[in-house]
Amino acid sequence: MKKTTKKTGKQRTGASAPKKATRKAAAEPKPKRVSALDAAAEVLKDEGKPMRAKDLIEAMAARGLWSSPNGKTPEATLYAAMMREARDKGTASRFRKVERGQFAFNG
């Protein structure tokens, strides 16, 4: 049984012709971006002392590891992410809360 399409009213047959597969040119892979948490862990490991989230953001930007993509409060976002990792991973976390607002590398 042949069916008609609603838009054109033309009849169509059962199988349509297969579409040609197109390939994109192989592009060079983009370098993987370092996340804020990875950059913070690296800075804390190198410094060897506890730091506040605001100081970590400044140190990460100065070293060229990570910069905020126009966020208004990157230090609050980093602080929350470090707290979440410390809570969820426990002793396996890269971060250890030392004092109020200060984190050290847990390694």
C-alpha atoms as a PDB file:
ATOM      1  CA  MET A   1       0.000   0.000   0.000  1.00  0.00           C
ATOM      2  CA  LYS A   2       1.342   3.386  -0.944  1.00  0.00           C
ATOM      3  CA  LYS A   3       1.117   6.247   1.515  1.00  0.00           C
ATOM      4  CA  THR A   4       0.767   9.925   0.811  1.00  0.00           C
ATOM      5  CA  THR A   5       2.603  12.628   2.679  1.00  0.00           C
ATOM      6  CA  LYS A   6       0.599  15.219   4.532  1.00  0.00           C
ATOM      7  CA  LYS A   7       2.511  18.260   3.297  1.00  0.00           C
ATOM      8  CA  THR A   8       2.724  17.589  -0.427  1.00  0.00           C
ATOM      9  CA  GLY A   9       0.056  14.962  -1.010  1.00  0.00           C
ATOM     10  CA  LYS A  10       2.476  13.008  -3.192  1.00  0.00           C
ATOM     11  CA  GLN A  11       2.725   9.264  -2.962  1.00  0.00           C
ATOM     12  CA  ARG A  12       5.858   7.741  -1.582  1.00  0.00           C
ATOM     13  CA  THR A  13       7.199   4.270  -2.018  1.00  0.00           C
ATOM     14  CA  GLY A  14       8.309   1.927   0.756  1.00  0.00           C
ATOM     15  CA  ALA A  15      12.079   2.328   1.035  1.00  0.00           C
ATOM     16  CA  SER A  16      13.883   5.575   0.499  1.00  0.00           C
ATOM     17  CA  ALA A  17      17.358   5.713  -0.967  1.00  0.00           C
ATOM     18  CA  PRO A  18      20.093   5.574   1.683  1.00  0.00           C
ATOM     19  CA  LYS A  19      21.797   8.868   2.390  1.00  0.00           C
ATOM     20  CA  LYS A  20      25.451   9.287   1.593  1.00  0.00           C
ATOM     21  CA  ALA A  21      27.657   9.314   4.637  1.00  0.00           C
ATOM     22  CA  THR A  22      29.791  12.424   4.771  1.00  0.00           C
ATOM     23  CA  ARG A  23      33.055  12.587   6.635  1.00  0.00           C
ATOM     24  CA  LYS A  24      34.530  15.649   8.181  1.00  0.00           C
ATOM     25  CA  ALA A  25      38.190  16.328   7.680  1.00  0.00           C
ATOM     26  CA  ALA A  26      40.215  15.022  10.588  1.00  0.00           C
ATOM     27  CA  ALA A  27      40.972  18.072  12.684  1.00  0.00           C
ATOM     28  CA  GLU A  28      43.750  18.277  15.216  1.00  0.00           C
ATOM     29  CA  PRO A  29      42.435  17.337  18.650  1.00  0.00           C
ATOM     30  CA  LYS A  30      42.015  20.307  20.939  1.00  0.00           C
ATOM     31  CA  PRO A  31      44.169  20.295  24.053  1.00  0.00           C
ATOM     32  CA  LYS A  32      42.131  19.202  27.035  1.00  0.00           C
ATOM     33  CA  ARG A  33      41.287  22.075  29.352  1.00  0.00           C
ATOM     34  CA  VAL A  34      42.335  21.785  32.955  1.00  0.00           C
ATOM     35  CA  SER A  35      39.417  22.001  35.364  1.00  0.00           C
ATOM     36  CA  ALA A  36      39.405  24.446  38.246  1.00  0.00           C
ATOM     37  CA  LEU A  37      39.627  21.571  40.738  1.00  0.00           C
ATOM     38  CA  ASP A  38      42.612  20.017  38.972  1.00  0.00           C
ATOM     39  CA  ALA A  39      44.369  23.375  38.820  1.00  0.00           C
ATOM     40  CA  ALA A  40      43.623  24.064  42.495  1.00  0.00           C
ATOM     41  CA  ALA A  41      45.006  20.660  43.490  1.00  0.00           C
ATOM     42  CA  GLU A  42      48.190  21.353  41.514  1.00  0.00           C
ATOM     43  CA  VAL A  43      48.669  24.770  43.129  1.00  0.00           C
ATOM     44  CA  LEU A  44      48.064  23.407  46.633  1.00  0.00           C
ATOM     45  CA  LYS A  45      50.490  20.554  46.014  1.00  0.00           C
ATOM     46  CA  ASP A  46      53.198  22.925  44.750  1.00  0.00           C
ATOM     47  CA  GLU A  47      52.714  25.509  47.504  1.00  0.00           C
ATOM     48  CA  GLY A  48      52.685  22.980  50.339  1.00  0.00           C
ATOM     49  CA  LYS A  49      50.600  25.226  52.575  1.00  0.00           C
ATOM     50  CA  PRO A  50      46.863  25.818  53.129  1.00  0.00           C
ATOM     51  CA  MET A  51      45.265  28.474  50.964  1.00  0.00           C
ATOM     52  CA  ARG A  52      41.929  30.236  50.619  1.00  0.00           C
ATOM     53  CA  ALA A  53      39.806  29.855  47.488  1.00  0.00           C
ATOM     54  CA  LYS A  54      40.362  33.485  46.460  1.00  0.00           C
ATOM     55  CA  ASP A  55      44.140  33.069  46.717  1.00  0.00           C
ATOM     56  CA  LEU A  56      43.918  29.832  44.737  1.00  0.00           C
ATOM     57  CA  ILE A  57      42.012  31.563  41.935  1.00  0.00           C
ATOM     58  CA  GLU A  58      44.684  34.280  41.750  1.00  0.00           C
ATOM     59  CA  ALA A  59      47.539  31.748  41.791  1.00  0.00           C
ATOM     60  CA  MET A  60      45.900  29.599  39.100  1.00  0.00           C
ATOM     61  CA  ALA A  61      45.461  32.636  36.845  1.00  0.00           C
ATOM     62  CA  ALA A  62      49.029  33.838  37.475  1.00  0.00           C
ATOM     63  CA  ARG A  63      50.430  30.425  36.500  1.00  0.00           C
ATOM     64  CA  GLY A  64      48.184  30.196  33.455  1.00  0.00           C
ATOM     65  CA  LEU A  65      46.557  26.980  34.673  1.00  0.00           C
ATOM     66  CA  TRP A  66      42.966  28.173  34.743  1.00  0.00           C
ATOM     67  CA  SER A  67      41.060  31.418  34.451  1.00  0.00           C
ATOM     68  CA  SER A  68      37.424  32.115  35.097  1.00  0.00           C
ATOM     69  CA  PRO A  69      35.196  32.201  32.012  1.00  0.00           C
ATOM     70  CA  ASN A  70      33.705  35.571  33.042  1.00  0.00           C
ATOM     71  CA  GLY A  71      32.136  34.274  36.243  1.00  0.00           C
ATOM     72  CA  LYS A  72      31.276  36.808  38.929  1.00  0.00           C
ATOM     73  CA  THR A  73      32.325  34.670  41.906  1.00  0.00           C
ATOM     74  CA  PRO A  74      34.779  31.966  40.817  1.00  0.00           C
ATOM     75  CA  GLU A  75      36.157  31.685  44.349  1.00  0.00           C
ATOM     76  CA  ALA A  76      32.720  30.724  45.700  1.00  0.00           C
ATOM     77  CA  THR A  77      32.322  28.116  42.963  1.00  0.00           C
ATOM     78  CA  LEU A  78      35.776  26.678  43.662  1.00  0.00           C
ATOM     79  CA  TYR A  79      35.144  26.648  47.423  1.00  0.00           C
ATOM     80  CA  ALA A  80      31.865  24.769  46.952  1.00  0.00           C
ATOM     81  CA  ALA A  81      33.466  22.253  44.582  1.00  0.00           C
ATOM     82  CA  MET A  82      36.340  21.567  47.005  1.00  0.00           C
ATOM     83  CA  MET A  83      33.881  21.137  49.885  1.00  0.00           C
ATOM     84  CA  ARG A  84      31.788  18.750  47.788  1.00  0.00           C
ATOM     85  CA  GLU A  85      34.809  16.645  46.836  1.00  0.00           C
ATOM     86  CA  ALA A  86      36.044  16.516  50.428  1.00  0.00           C
ATOM     87  CA  ARG A  87      32.589  15.449  51.617  1.00  0.00           C
ATOM     88  CA  ASP A  88      31.898  12.875  48.913  1.00  0.00           C
ATOM     89  CA  LYS A  89      35.329  11.240  48.644  1.00  0.00           C
ATOM     90  CA  GLY A  90      36.331  11.460  52.294  1.00  0.00           C
ATOM     91  CA  THR A  91      39.970  10.448  52.819  1.00  0.00           C
ATOM     92  CA  ALA A  92      40.424   9.827  49.059  1.00  0.00           C
ATOM     93  CA  SER A  93      39.776  13.526  48.363  1.00  0.00           C
ATOM     94  CA  ARG A  94      42.581  15.739  47.037  1.00  0.00           C
ATOM     95  CA  PHE A  95      41.518  18.490  49.427  1.00  0.00           C
ATOM     96  CA  ARG A  96      41.473  18.697  53.205  1.00  0.00           C
ATOM     97  CA  LYS A  97      39.781  21.535  55.052  1.00  0.00           C
ATOM     98  CA  VAL A  98      42.281  22.883  57.564  1.00  0.00           C
ATOM     99  CA  GLU A  99      40.566  25.933  58.994  1.00  0.00           C
ATOM    100  CA  ARG A 100      37.547  27.997  58.157  1.00  0.00           C
ATOM    101  CA  GLY A 101      37.897  28.825  54.462  1.00  0.00           C
ATOM    102  CA  GLN A 102      41.331  27.204  54.071  1.00  0.00           C
ATOM    103  CA  PHE A 103      42.194  24.034  52.217  1.00  0.00           C
ATOM    104  CA  ALA A 104      45.382  22.010  52.008  1.00  0.00           C
ATOM    105  CA  PHE A 105      46.456  19.302  49.579  1.00  0.00           C
ATOM    106  CA  ASN A 106      45.545  15.906  50.982  1.00  0.00           C
ATOM    107  CA  GLY A 107      48.462  13.860  49.777  1.00  0.00           C
END
